[in-house]
Amino acid sequence: MAKKLVTAQKRGETRALCLGLGMVACSVIMYFFIGITIMPSYKRSVWTKESICKLMKASIKEDIHCLFNEGFGDENIFRYPCLEIQVNLTLLGQLVMLYHKEDTVYRNPKCSYIPLNMENYNEVQKQVEKISDDFRNQQTFPCYYDPSRKEKSVILKRLYAPEGLIFAFLWPTLMLAGGVFIVIMVKISQYFSVLSASQYRTGI
């Protein structure tokens, strides 16, 4: 009976140790994934300071449709109404172009907004018109700008804000801490088991 109990305990310790090491390995992989995907985009973003922008012009270029993924095959080119938003960066008193996010600037610097789904042109047009109306109704809103002013444009939302980066690192950190805790607890359990066994032999 005692041997079966010891065997079951060793199996439980082995499984717990594998679980802890697996959690540590997964957290390391997640850190690596974040480091090669999110971190470069976060560091590349120059729009780090928040200010207030005032709408100066919101227009939809009905007759000039911007190209998406220009340079690829024709099957990868979509046409959509080009929404152009110009705002006054109140902090500096400058008239600048407003973009939705950082990637909007790189993907199409001619338009302030790139629709997510461009399969249905009529739906896209309604969406762009709604966004334009929202800007006209709001007039003043927070925006982000480059404090060095090397990049003259401003963006409405940061693709990777600091709080988003913290949230991205939260889960792998919790997983790493949990895995390390499990490994430590298994090692402590093994230490006390060996200590108890040695004391039992000495007593005999």
N, C-alpha and C. Protein backbone atom coordinates (compact mmCIF):
# COMPACT_ATOMS: atom_id res chain seq x y z
N MET A 1 0.83 -1.21 0.00
CA MET A 1 0.00 0.00 0.00
C MET A 1 0.86 1.25 0.00
N ALA A 2 1.92 1.22 0.79
CA ALA A 2 2.82 2.37 0.89
C ALA A 2 3.54 2.62 -0.43
N LYS A 3 3.93 1.48 -1.09
CA LYS A 3 4.62 1.62 -2.37
C LYS A 3 3.71 2.23 -3.43
N LYS A 4 2.43 1.81 -3.42
CA LYS A 4 1.46 2.36 -4.38
C LYS A 4 1.25 3.86 -4.15
N LEU A 5 1.24 4.25 -2.87
CA LEU A 5 1.06 5.67 -2.53
C LEU A 5 2.24 6.49 -2.99
N VAL A 6 3.46 5.92 -2.79
CA VAL A 6 4.67 6.63 -3.22
C VAL A 6 4.71 6.75 -4.74
N THR A 7 4.31 5.65 -5.41
CA THR A 7 4.30 5.66 -6.89
C THR A 7 3.31 6.69 -7.42
N ALA A 8 2.11 6.75 -6.82
CA ALA A 8 1.10 7.73 -7.24
C ALA A 8 1.58 9.15 -6.98
N GLN A 9 2.29 9.33 -5.86
CA GLN A 9 2.81 10.67 -5.54
C GLN A 9 3.87 11.10 -6.55
N LYS A 10 4.73 10.15 -6.94
CA LYS A 10 5.77 10.48 -7.92
C LYS A 10 5.16 10.82 -9.27
N ARG A 11 4.11 10.08 -9.65
CA ARG A 11 3.44 10.37 -10.92
C ARG A 11 2.80 11.76 -10.89
N GLY A 12 2.17 12.09 -9.77
CA GLY A 12 1.56 13.42 -9.63
C GLY A 12 2.59 14.52 -9.70
N GLU A 13 3.73 14.29 -9.04
CA GLU A 13 4.81 15.28 -9.07
C GLU A 13 5.36 15.45 -10.49
N THR A 14 5.49 14.33 -11.21
CA THR A 14 6.01 14.39 -12.59
C THR A 14 5.05 15.16 -13.49
N ARG A 15 3.76 14.90 -13.34
CA ARG A 15 2.76 15.60 -14.15
C ARG A 15 2.74 17.10 -13.82
N ALA A 16 2.81 17.40 -12.52
CA ALA A 16 2.82 18.80 -12.11
C ALA A 16 4.07 19.51 -12.61
N LEU A 17 5.22 18.80 -12.56
CA LEU A 17 6.47 19.38 -13.05
C LEU A 17 6.40 19.63 -14.56
N CYS A 18 5.83 18.68 -15.30
CA CYS A 18 5.67 18.86 -16.76
C CYS A 18 4.74 20.03 -17.06
N LEU A 19 3.67 20.14 -16.26
CA LEU A 19 2.73 21.26 -16.44
C LEU A 19 3.43 22.59 -16.20
N GLY A 20 4.19 22.68 -15.12
CA GLY A 20 4.90 23.93 -14.81
C GLY A 20 5.91 24.30 -15.89
N LEU A 21 6.70 23.29 -16.32
CA LEU A 21 7.69 23.56 -17.37
C LEU A 21 7.02 23.90 -18.69
N GLY A 22 5.86 23.27 -18.97
CA GLY A 22 5.12 23.59 -20.19
C GLY A 22 4.61 25.02 -20.17
N MET A 23 4.12 25.47 -19.01
CA MET A 23 3.66 26.85 -18.88
C MET A 23 4.80 27.83 -19.07
N VAL A 24 5.96 27.51 -18.51
CA VAL A 24 7.14 28.38 -18.69
C VAL A 24 7.54 28.45 -20.16
N ALA A 25 7.54 27.29 -20.84
CA ALA A 25 7.91 27.25 -22.26
C ALA A 25 6.92 28.05 -23.11
N CYS A 26 5.61 27.90 -22.82
CA CYS A 26 4.59 28.65 -23.57
C CYS A 26 4.73 30.15 -23.36
N SER A 27 5.03 30.55 -22.14
CA SER A 27 5.20 31.98 -21.86
C SER A 27 6.41 32.55 -22.59
N VAL A 28 7.48 31.77 -22.67
CA VAL A 28 8.68 32.21 -23.41
C VAL A 28 8.35 32.37 -24.90
N ILE A 29 7.58 31.44 -25.45
CA ILE A 29 7.17 31.53 -26.86
C ILE A 29 6.30 32.76 -27.08
N MET A 30 5.38 33.04 -26.14
CA MET A 30 4.52 34.21 -26.26
C MET A 30 5.34 35.50 -26.18
N TYR A 31 6.33 35.53 -25.28
CA TYR A 31 7.22 36.70 -25.21
C TYR A 31 7.96 36.90 -26.54
N PHE A 32 8.44 35.80 -27.11
CA PHE A 32 9.15 35.88 -28.39
C PHE A 32 8.22 36.39 -29.48
N PHE A 33 6.98 35.88 -29.52
CA PHE A 33 6.01 36.30 -30.53
C PHE A 33 5.70 37.80 -30.39
N ILE A 34 5.49 38.24 -29.15
CA ILE A 34 5.23 39.67 -28.92
C ILE A 34 6.43 40.51 -29.33
N GLY A 35 7.63 39.98 -29.05
CA GLY A 35 8.85 40.73 -29.36
C GLY A 35 9.08 40.93 -30.84
N ILE A 36 8.63 39.98 -31.67
CA ILE A 36 8.88 40.10 -33.12
C ILE A 36 7.69 40.66 -33.89
N THR A 37 6.54 40.81 -33.23
CA THR A 37 5.36 41.33 -33.93
C THR A 37 4.90 42.68 -33.38
N ILE A 38 4.55 42.72 -32.11
CA ILE A 38 3.97 43.93 -31.54
C ILE A 38 5.02 44.98 -31.22
N MET A 39 6.13 44.56 -30.61
CA MET A 39 7.15 45.53 -30.17
C MET A 39 7.73 46.36 -31.31
N PRO A 40 8.10 45.78 -32.48
CA PRO A 40 8.62 46.61 -33.56
C PRO A 40 7.63 47.68 -34.01
N SER A 41 6.33 47.30 -34.10
CA SER A 41 5.31 48.28 -34.50
C SER A 41 5.15 49.37 -33.44
N TYR A 42 5.23 48.97 -32.19
CA TYR A 42 5.10 49.94 -31.09
C TYR A 42 6.28 50.94 -31.11
N LYS A 43 7.49 50.42 -31.33
CA LYS A 43 8.67 51.29 -31.35
C LYS A 43 8.70 52.17 -32.59
N ARG A 44 8.14 51.66 -33.70
CA ARG A 44 8.16 52.41 -34.95
C ARG A 44 7.19 53.59 -34.93
N SER A 45 6.17 53.50 -34.09
CA SER A 45 5.16 54.56 -34.04
C SER A 45 5.75 55.83 -33.45
N VAL A 46 5.58 56.95 -34.15
CA VAL A 46 6.10 58.24 -33.67
C VAL A 46 4.99 59.11 -33.11
N TRP A 47 3.74 58.67 -33.26
CA TRP A 47 2.60 59.45 -32.76
C TRP A 47 2.37 59.09 -31.29
N THR A 48 3.11 59.71 -30.41
CA THR A 48 3.11 59.31 -29.00
C THR A 48 2.47 60.33 -28.07
N LYS A 49 2.31 61.55 -28.49
CA LYS A 49 1.76 62.59 -27.62
C LYS A 49 0.30 62.87 -27.98
N GLU A 50 -0.51 63.01 -26.95
CA GLU A 50 -1.93 63.27 -27.16
C GLU A 50 -2.22 64.76 -27.13
N SER A 51 -3.10 65.19 -27.98
CA SER A 51 -3.52 66.58 -28.03
C SER A 51 -5.00 66.63 -28.45
N ILE A 52 -5.48 67.81 -28.74
CA ILE A 52 -6.85 68.00 -29.20
C ILE A 52 -6.83 68.50 -30.64
N CYS A 53 -7.64 67.85 -31.46
CA CYS A 53 -7.76 68.25 -32.86
C CYS A 53 -9.16 68.80 -33.11
N LYS A 54 -9.21 69.80 -33.96
CA LYS A 54 -10.49 70.41 -34.34
C LYS A 54 -10.71 70.19 -35.83
N LEU A 55 -11.87 69.67 -36.17
CA LEU A 55 -12.17 69.38 -37.57
C LEU A 55 -12.22 70.65 -38.40
N MET A 56 -11.50 70.62 -39.52
CA MET A 56 -11.52 71.74 -40.45
C MET A 56 -12.19 71.35 -41.77
N LYS A 57 -11.98 70.10 -42.18
CA LYS A 57 -12.54 69.66 -43.46
C LYS A 57 -12.73 68.15 -43.46
N ALA A 58 -13.90 67.71 -43.87
CA ALA A 58 -14.19 66.29 -44.02
C ALA A 58 -14.85 66.09 -45.37
N SER A 59 -14.15 65.48 -46.30
CA SER A 59 -14.68 65.33 -47.66
C SER A 59 -14.46 63.92 -48.17
N ILE A 60 -15.39 63.46 -48.98
CA ILE A 60 -15.30 62.15 -49.62
C ILE A 60 -15.09 62.37 -51.11
N LYS A 61 -13.99 61.87 -51.60
CA LYS A 61 -13.67 62.01 -53.02
C LYS A 61 -14.44 60.96 -53.81
N GLU A 62 -15.64 61.34 -54.23
CA GLU A 62 -16.53 60.38 -54.90
C GLU A 62 -15.94 59.87 -56.21
N ASP A 63 -15.26 60.73 -56.95
CA ASP A 63 -14.79 60.36 -58.29
C ASP A 63 -13.36 59.82 -58.29
N ILE A 64 -12.68 59.93 -57.14
CA ILE A 64 -11.30 59.46 -57.07
C ILE A 64 -11.24 58.36 -56.03
N HIS A 65 -11.18 57.12 -56.47
CA HIS A 65 -11.16 55.99 -55.56
C HIS A 65 -9.72 55.54 -55.36
N CYS A 66 -9.32 55.46 -54.12
CA CYS A 66 -7.94 55.09 -53.82
C CYS A 66 -7.72 53.60 -54.03
N LEU A 67 -6.49 53.25 -54.31
CA LEU A 67 -6.14 51.85 -54.51
C LEU A 67 -5.60 51.26 -53.21
N PHE A 68 -5.97 50.02 -52.96
CA PHE A 68 -5.49 49.32 -51.78
C PHE A 68 -4.55 48.21 -52.23
N ASN A 69 -3.39 48.09 -51.52
CA ASN A 69 -2.37 47.12 -51.90
C ASN A 69 -1.86 47.37 -53.32
N GLU A 70 -1.61 48.62 -53.60
CA GLU A 70 -1.15 48.98 -54.95
C GLU A 70 0.20 48.34 -55.22
N GLY A 71 0.38 47.83 -56.40
CA GLY A 71 1.63 47.17 -56.76
C GLY A 71 1.48 45.67 -56.86
N PHE A 72 0.39 45.11 -56.32
CA PHE A 72 0.14 43.68 -56.42
C PHE A 72 -0.71 43.42 -57.66
N GLY A 73 -1.18 42.20 -57.78
CA GLY A 73 -2.02 41.86 -58.93
C GLY A 73 -3.35 42.57 -58.87
N ASP A 74 -4.00 42.64 -60.03
CA ASP A 74 -5.29 43.32 -60.12
C ASP A 74 -6.33 42.68 -59.21
N GLU A 75 -6.19 41.37 -58.95
CA GLU A 75 -7.17 40.71 -58.13
C GLU A 75 -7.08 41.17 -56.65
N ASN A 76 -5.97 41.80 -56.27
CA ASN A 76 -5.77 42.27 -54.90
C ASN A 76 -5.99 43.77 -54.77
N ILE A 77 -6.53 44.39 -55.79
CA ILE A 77 -6.76 45.83 -55.75
C ILE A 77 -8.25 46.10 -55.56
N PHE A 78 -8.56 46.87 -54.53
CA PHE A 78 -9.94 47.24 -54.25
C PHE A 78 -10.07 48.76 -54.37
N ARG A 79 -11.25 49.19 -54.78
CA ARG A 79 -11.53 50.61 -54.88
C ARG A 79 -12.58 50.98 -53.85
N TYR A 80 -12.36 52.09 -53.18
CA TYR A 80 -13.30 52.52 -52.15
C TYR A 80 -13.28 54.05 -52.06
N PRO A 81 -14.37 54.65 -51.57
CA PRO A 81 -14.42 56.11 -51.45
C PRO A 81 -13.33 56.61 -50.50
N CYS A 82 -12.63 57.61 -50.93
CA CYS A 82 -11.50 58.12 -50.16
C CYS A 82 -11.96 59.24 -49.23
N LEU A 83 -11.96 58.97 -47.95
CA LEU A 83 -12.32 59.96 -46.95
C LEU A 83 -11.08 60.76 -46.55
N GLU A 84 -11.17 62.06 -46.72
CA GLU A 84 -10.04 62.93 -46.39
C GLU A 84 -10.45 63.85 -45.24
N ILE A 85 -9.73 63.73 -44.13
CA ILE A 85 -10.02 64.54 -42.94
C ILE A 85 -8.83 65.46 -42.67
N GLN A 86 -9.09 66.75 -42.62
CA GLN A 86 -8.07 67.71 -42.25
C GLN A 86 -8.49 68.39 -40.94
N VAL A 87 -7.53 68.48 -40.04
CA VAL A 87 -7.83 69.02 -38.71
C VAL A 87 -6.82 70.09 -38.34
N ASN A 88 -7.20 70.85 -37.34
CA ASN A 88 -6.29 71.85 -36.77
C ASN A 88 -5.73 71.28 -35.48
N LEU A 89 -4.43 71.03 -35.45
CA LEU A 89 -3.77 70.56 -34.24
C LEU A 89 -3.66 71.75 -33.29
N THR A 90 -4.59 71.83 -32.35
CA THR A 90 -4.75 73.05 -31.55
C THR A 90 -3.50 73.41 -30.75
N LEU A 91 -2.73 72.39 -30.34
CA LEU A 91 -1.54 72.67 -29.55
C LEU A 91 -0.52 73.51 -30.32
N LEU A 92 -0.40 73.22 -31.62
CA LEU A 92 0.58 73.91 -32.46
C LEU A 92 -0.07 74.85 -33.47
N GLY A 93 -1.40 74.79 -33.59
CA GLY A 93 -2.10 75.65 -34.53
C GLY A 93 -1.77 75.35 -35.98
N GLN A 94 -1.64 74.07 -36.30
CA GLN A 94 -1.29 73.65 -37.66
C GLN A 94 -2.42 72.87 -38.30
N LEU A 95 -2.59 73.07 -39.61
CA LEU A 95 -3.57 72.32 -40.38
C LEU A 95 -2.88 71.06 -40.90
N VAL A 96 -3.37 69.89 -40.47
CA VAL A 96 -2.70 68.64 -40.81
C VAL A 96 -3.73 67.59 -41.24
N MET A 97 -3.22 66.52 -41.83
CA MET A 97 -4.04 65.40 -42.26
C MET A 97 -4.24 64.45 -41.09
N LEU A 98 -5.47 63.98 -40.90
CA LEU A 98 -5.78 63.03 -39.85
C LEU A 98 -5.95 61.64 -40.45
N TYR A 99 -5.32 60.64 -39.82
CA TYR A 99 -5.46 59.25 -40.23
C TYR A 99 -6.07 58.46 -39.08
N HIS A 100 -6.68 57.33 -39.44
CA HIS A 100 -7.34 56.51 -38.44
C HIS A 100 -6.32 55.90 -37.47
N LYS A 101 -5.34 55.15 -38.00
CA LYS A 101 -4.29 54.54 -37.19
C LYS A 101 -2.96 54.63 -37.91
N GLU A 102 -1.89 54.16 -37.25
CA GLU A 102 -0.57 54.23 -37.85
C GLU A 102 -0.50 53.49 -39.18
N ASP A 103 -1.10 52.31 -39.24
CA ASP A 103 -1.00 51.52 -40.46
C ASP A 103 -1.73 52.16 -41.64
N THR A 104 -2.70 53.04 -41.34
CA THR A 104 -3.40 53.74 -42.42
C THR A 104 -2.45 54.63 -43.19
N VAL A 105 -1.52 55.26 -42.49
CA VAL A 105 -0.54 56.15 -43.13
C VAL A 105 0.34 55.36 -44.09
N TYR A 106 0.78 54.17 -43.67
CA TYR A 106 1.69 53.37 -44.49
C TYR A 106 0.97 52.70 -45.66
N ARG A 107 -0.30 52.30 -45.43
CA ARG A 107 -1.02 51.55 -46.46
C ARG A 107 -1.58 52.45 -47.55
N ASN A 108 -2.06 53.62 -47.15
CA ASN A 108 -2.58 54.55 -48.15
C ASN A 108 -2.56 55.98 -47.59
N PRO A 109 -1.51 56.74 -47.83
CA PRO A 109 -1.41 58.10 -47.28
C PRO A 109 -2.38 59.09 -47.90
N LYS A 110 -3.12 58.67 -48.95
CA LYS A 110 -4.07 59.59 -49.58
C LYS A 110 -5.39 59.68 -48.83
N CYS A 111 -5.72 58.64 -48.06
CA CYS A 111 -7.02 58.57 -47.40
C CYS A 111 -6.88 58.48 -45.89
N SER A 112 -7.82 59.08 -45.19
CA SER A 112 -7.78 59.09 -43.73
C SER A 112 -8.26 57.78 -43.13
N TYR A 113 -9.04 57.02 -43.89
CA TYR A 113 -9.62 55.79 -43.35
C TYR A 113 -9.65 54.71 -44.42
N ILE A 114 -9.29 53.48 -44.02
CA ILE A 114 -9.35 52.33 -44.92
C ILE A 114 -10.38 51.36 -44.36
N PRO A 115 -11.46 51.09 -45.08
CA PRO A 115 -12.48 50.16 -44.60
C PRO A 115 -11.90 48.76 -44.39
N LEU A 116 -12.45 48.06 -43.40
CA LEU A 116 -11.97 46.72 -43.08
C LEU A 116 -12.42 45.70 -44.12
N ASN A 117 -13.68 45.78 -44.52
CA ASN A 117 -14.24 44.84 -45.48
C ASN A 117 -14.70 45.61 -46.72
N MET A 118 -14.05 45.33 -47.86
CA MET A 118 -14.33 46.12 -49.07
C MET A 118 -14.99 45.30 -50.17
N GLU A 119 -15.62 44.18 -49.81
CA GLU A 119 -16.25 43.34 -50.82
C GLU A 119 -17.53 43.98 -51.37
N ASN A 120 -18.28 44.65 -50.51
CA ASN A 120 -19.54 45.29 -50.93
C ASN A 120 -19.32 46.80 -50.97
N TYR A 121 -19.26 47.35 -52.18
CA TYR A 121 -18.94 48.77 -52.31
C TYR A 121 -20.02 49.66 -51.70
N ASN A 122 -21.28 49.29 -51.85
CA ASN A 122 -22.37 50.12 -51.31
C ASN A 122 -22.30 50.20 -49.78
N GLU A 123 -21.99 49.06 -49.15
CA GLU A 123 -21.86 49.04 -47.70
C GLU A 123 -20.66 49.88 -47.26
N VAL A 124 -19.57 49.79 -48.00
CA VAL A 124 -18.38 50.58 -47.70
C VAL A 124 -18.68 52.06 -47.81
N GLN A 125 -19.41 52.44 -48.84
CA GLN A 125 -19.76 53.85 -49.03
C GLN A 125 -20.60 54.37 -47.88
N LYS A 126 -21.56 53.57 -47.42
CA LYS A 126 -22.39 53.97 -46.28
C LYS A 126 -21.54 54.11 -45.02
N GLN A 127 -20.61 53.20 -44.86
CA GLN A 127 -19.74 53.24 -43.69
C GLN A 127 -18.87 54.50 -43.68
N VAL A 128 -18.29 54.81 -44.83
CA VAL A 128 -17.43 55.99 -44.94
C VAL A 128 -18.25 57.27 -44.72
N GLU A 129 -19.45 57.31 -45.27
CA GLU A 129 -20.31 58.48 -45.08
C GLU A 129 -20.70 58.65 -43.61
N LYS A 130 -20.95 57.55 -42.92
CA LYS A 130 -21.30 57.61 -41.49
C LYS A 130 -20.13 58.15 -40.68
N ILE A 131 -18.91 57.69 -40.99
CA ILE A 131 -17.72 58.17 -40.29
C ILE A 131 -17.53 59.66 -40.54
N SER A 132 -17.75 60.09 -41.77
CA SER A 132 -17.63 61.51 -42.09
C SER A 132 -18.64 62.34 -41.31
N ASP A 133 -19.88 61.85 -41.22
CA ASP A 133 -20.91 62.56 -40.45
C ASP A 133 -20.57 62.61 -38.96
N ASP A 134 -19.99 61.53 -38.45
CA ASP A 134 -19.59 61.50 -37.03
C ASP A 134 -18.55 62.57 -36.74
N PHE A 135 -17.61 62.73 -37.65
CA PHE A 135 -16.60 63.78 -37.47
C PHE A 135 -17.23 65.16 -37.50
N ARG A 136 -18.15 65.38 -38.42
CA ARG A 136 -18.80 66.69 -38.52
C ARG A 136 -19.63 67.00 -37.28
N ASN A 137 -20.22 65.97 -36.68
CA ASN A 137 -21.03 66.19 -35.49
C ASN A 137 -20.18 66.42 -34.24
N GLN A 138 -19.02 65.77 -34.21
CA GLN A 138 -18.18 65.86 -33.02
C GLN A 138 -17.30 67.11 -33.03
N GLN A 139 -16.73 67.45 -34.18
CA GLN A 139 -15.92 68.64 -34.38
C GLN A 139 -14.58 68.61 -33.64
N THR A 140 -14.58 68.42 -32.32
CA THR A 140 -13.34 68.43 -31.54
C THR A 140 -13.16 67.07 -30.87
N PHE A 141 -11.94 66.51 -30.91
CA PHE A 141 -11.69 65.18 -30.39
C PHE A 141 -10.20 65.00 -30.10
N PRO A 142 -9.84 64.04 -29.25
CA PRO A 142 -8.43 63.77 -28.96
C PRO A 142 -7.74 63.14 -30.17
N CYS A 143 -6.46 63.42 -30.32
CA CYS A 143 -5.67 62.83 -31.40
C CYS A 143 -4.22 62.71 -30.93
N TYR A 144 -3.40 62.02 -31.71
CA TYR A 144 -2.00 61.80 -31.36
C TYR A 144 -1.10 62.38 -32.45
N TYR A 145 0.01 62.99 -32.02
CA TYR A 145 0.92 63.61 -32.97
C TYR A 145 2.37 63.26 -32.62
N ASP A 146 3.25 63.52 -33.56
CA ASP A 146 4.68 63.28 -33.38
C ASP A 146 5.29 64.52 -32.71
N PRO A 147 5.80 64.39 -31.48
CA PRO A 147 6.36 65.56 -30.79
C PRO A 147 7.58 66.15 -31.48
N SER A 148 8.31 65.33 -32.25
CA SER A 148 9.47 65.86 -32.97
C SER A 148 9.06 66.59 -34.24
N ARG A 149 7.77 66.38 -34.67
CA ARG A 149 7.19 67.00 -35.85
C ARG A 149 7.88 66.59 -37.16
N LYS A 150 8.61 65.46 -37.12
CA LYS A 150 9.13 64.91 -38.37
C LYS A 150 7.98 64.36 -39.20
N GLU A 151 6.99 63.79 -38.51
CA GLU A 151 5.77 63.33 -39.16
C GLU A 151 4.70 64.38 -38.91
N LYS A 152 4.28 65.04 -39.96
CA LYS A 152 3.36 66.17 -39.83
C LYS A 152 1.93 65.74 -39.54
N SER A 153 1.54 64.56 -39.97
CA SER A 153 0.16 64.11 -39.81
C SER A 153 -0.13 63.71 -38.37
N VAL A 154 -1.41 63.50 -38.08
CA VAL A 154 -1.83 63.04 -36.76
C VAL A 154 -2.72 61.81 -36.95
N ILE A 155 -2.89 61.03 -35.88
CA ILE A 155 -3.74 59.84 -35.96
C ILE A 155 -4.82 59.92 -34.88
N LEU A 156 -5.93 59.23 -35.15
CA LEU A 156 -7.05 59.23 -34.22
C LEU A 156 -6.86 58.21 -33.10
N LYS A 157 -6.38 57.02 -33.46
CA LYS A 157 -6.17 55.96 -32.47
C LYS A 157 -4.80 55.34 -32.67
N ARG A 158 -4.16 55.00 -31.56
CA ARG A 158 -2.88 54.31 -31.63
C ARG A 158 -3.12 52.82 -31.80
N LEU A 159 -2.40 52.22 -32.72
CA LEU A 159 -2.56 50.80 -32.97
C LEU A 159 -2.09 49.98 -31.78
N TYR A 160 -0.98 50.40 -31.18
CA TYR A 160 -0.46 49.75 -29.99
C TYR A 160 -0.18 50.80 -28.92
N ALA A 161 -1.21 51.08 -28.14
CA ALA A 161 -1.07 52.04 -27.04
C ALA A 161 -0.33 51.39 -25.88
N PRO A 162 0.25 52.18 -24.96
CA PRO A 162 0.97 51.60 -23.81
C PRO A 162 0.12 50.64 -23.00
N GLU A 163 -1.16 50.99 -22.78
CA GLU A 163 -2.01 50.09 -22.00
C GLU A 163 -2.26 48.78 -22.75
N GLY A 164 -2.32 48.84 -24.08
CA GLY A 164 -2.47 47.63 -24.87
C GLY A 164 -1.23 46.76 -24.79
N LEU A 165 -0.06 47.40 -24.75
CA LEU A 165 1.19 46.66 -24.64
C LEU A 165 1.29 45.97 -23.29
N ILE A 166 0.85 46.66 -22.24
CA ILE A 166 0.84 46.07 -20.90
C ILE A 166 -0.08 44.86 -20.86
N PHE A 167 -1.25 44.98 -21.49
CA PHE A 167 -2.20 43.87 -21.53
C PHE A 167 -1.62 42.69 -22.31
N ALA A 168 -0.87 42.98 -23.39
CA ALA A 168 -0.27 41.91 -24.18
C ALA A 168 0.76 41.13 -23.37
N PHE A 169 1.51 41.82 -22.50
CA PHE A 169 2.53 41.16 -21.67
C PHE A 169 1.93 40.54 -20.41
N LEU A 170 0.69 40.87 -20.08
CA LEU A 170 0.08 40.40 -18.84
C LEU A 170 -0.08 38.88 -18.81
N TRP A 171 -0.66 38.32 -19.88
CA TRP A 171 -0.94 36.89 -19.89
C TRP A 171 0.31 36.03 -19.88
N PRO A 172 1.32 36.29 -20.70
CA PRO A 172 2.54 35.48 -20.59
C PRO A 172 3.25 35.63 -19.25
N THR A 173 3.14 36.83 -18.65
CA THR A 173 3.75 37.03 -17.33
C THR A 173 3.05 36.20 -16.27
N LEU A 174 1.71 36.19 -16.31
CA LEU A 174 0.95 35.38 -15.36
C LEU A 174 1.23 33.89 -15.57
N MET A 175 1.33 33.48 -16.84
CA MET A 175 1.61 32.08 -17.15
C MET A 175 3.01 31.69 -16.67
N LEU A 176 3.98 32.60 -16.86
CA LEU A 176 5.35 32.34 -16.41
C LEU A 176 5.41 32.24 -14.89
N ALA A 177 4.73 33.16 -14.21
CA ALA A 177 4.71 33.13 -12.74
C ALA A 177 4.04 31.87 -12.23
N GLY A 178 2.92 31.46 -12.87
CA GLY A 178 2.24 30.23 -12.48
C GLY A 178 3.10 29.01 -12.69
N GLY A 179 3.79 28.95 -13.84
CA GLY A 179 4.66 27.81 -14.12
C GLY A 179 5.82 27.71 -13.15
N VAL A 180 6.46 28.83 -12.86
CA VAL A 180 7.56 28.85 -11.90
C VAL A 180 7.08 28.45 -10.50
N PHE A 181 5.89 28.93 -10.13
CA PHE A 181 5.33 28.59 -8.82
C PHE A 181 5.08 27.09 -8.70
N ILE A 182 4.53 26.48 -9.76
CA ILE A 182 4.27 25.04 -9.75
C ILE A 182 5.58 24.26 -9.62
N VAL A 183 6.60 24.65 -10.39
CA VAL A 183 7.90 23.97 -10.33
C VAL A 183 8.50 24.08 -8.94
N ILE A 184 8.43 25.27 -8.35
CA ILE A 184 8.98 25.47 -7.00
C ILE A 184 8.25 24.60 -5.98
N MET A 185 6.91 24.56 -6.08
CA MET A 185 6.13 23.77 -5.14
C MET A 185 6.45 22.28 -5.28
N VAL A 186 6.65 21.80 -6.52
CA VAL A 186 7.01 20.40 -6.73
C VAL A 186 8.38 20.12 -6.13
N LYS A 187 9.34 20.99 -6.33
CA LYS A 187 10.68 20.80 -5.79
C LYS A 187 10.65 20.81 -4.26
N ILE A 188 9.84 21.69 -3.67
CA ILE A 188 9.72 21.72 -2.20
C ILE A 188 9.11 20.42 -1.70
N SER A 189 8.08 19.95 -2.42
CA SER A 189 7.44 18.68 -2.04
C SER A 189 8.43 17.52 -2.12
N GLN A 190 9.22 17.49 -3.19
CA GLN A 190 10.23 16.44 -3.33
C GLN A 190 11.29 16.53 -2.24
N TYR A 191 11.68 17.74 -1.88
CA TYR A 191 12.69 17.94 -0.84
C TYR A 191 12.19 17.39 0.50
N PHE A 192 10.93 17.73 0.84
CA PHE A 192 10.38 17.25 2.11
C PHE A 192 10.16 15.74 2.09
N SER A 193 9.84 15.20 0.92
CA SER A 193 9.68 13.75 0.81
C SER A 193 11.01 13.04 1.07
N VAL A 194 12.07 13.53 0.46
CA VAL A 194 13.40 12.95 0.67
C VAL A 194 13.83 13.12 2.13
N LEU A 195 13.53 14.30 2.71
CA LEU A 195 13.90 14.57 4.10
C LEU A 195 13.16 13.63 5.05
N SER A 196 11.87 13.43 4.79
CA SER A 196 11.07 12.53 5.63
C SER A 196 11.56 11.09 5.52
N ALA A 197 11.91 10.69 4.29
CA ALA A 197 12.40 9.33 4.08
C ALA A 197 13.72 9.10 4.80
N SER A 198 14.62 10.08 4.75
CA SER A 198 15.92 9.93 5.41
C SER A 198 15.77 9.88 6.93
N GLN A 199 14.86 10.67 7.47
CA GLN A 199 14.61 10.66 8.91
C GLN A 199 13.99 9.33 9.33
N TYR A 200 13.11 8.76 8.46
CA TYR A 200 12.48 7.48 8.77
C TYR A 200 13.52 6.37 8.80
N ARG A 201 14.46 6.40 7.85
CA ARG A 201 15.53 5.39 7.82
C ARG A 201 16.45 5.52 9.03
N THR A 202 16.73 6.76 9.43
CA THR A 202 17.60 6.99 10.59
C THR A 202 16.95 6.45 11.87
N GLY A 203 15.62 6.66 11.94
CA GLY A 203 14.89 6.19 13.12
C GLY A 203 14.88 4.69 13.21
N ILE A 204 14.86 4.02 12.05
CA ILE A 204 14.89 2.57 12.05
C ILE A 204 16.27 2.07 12.48
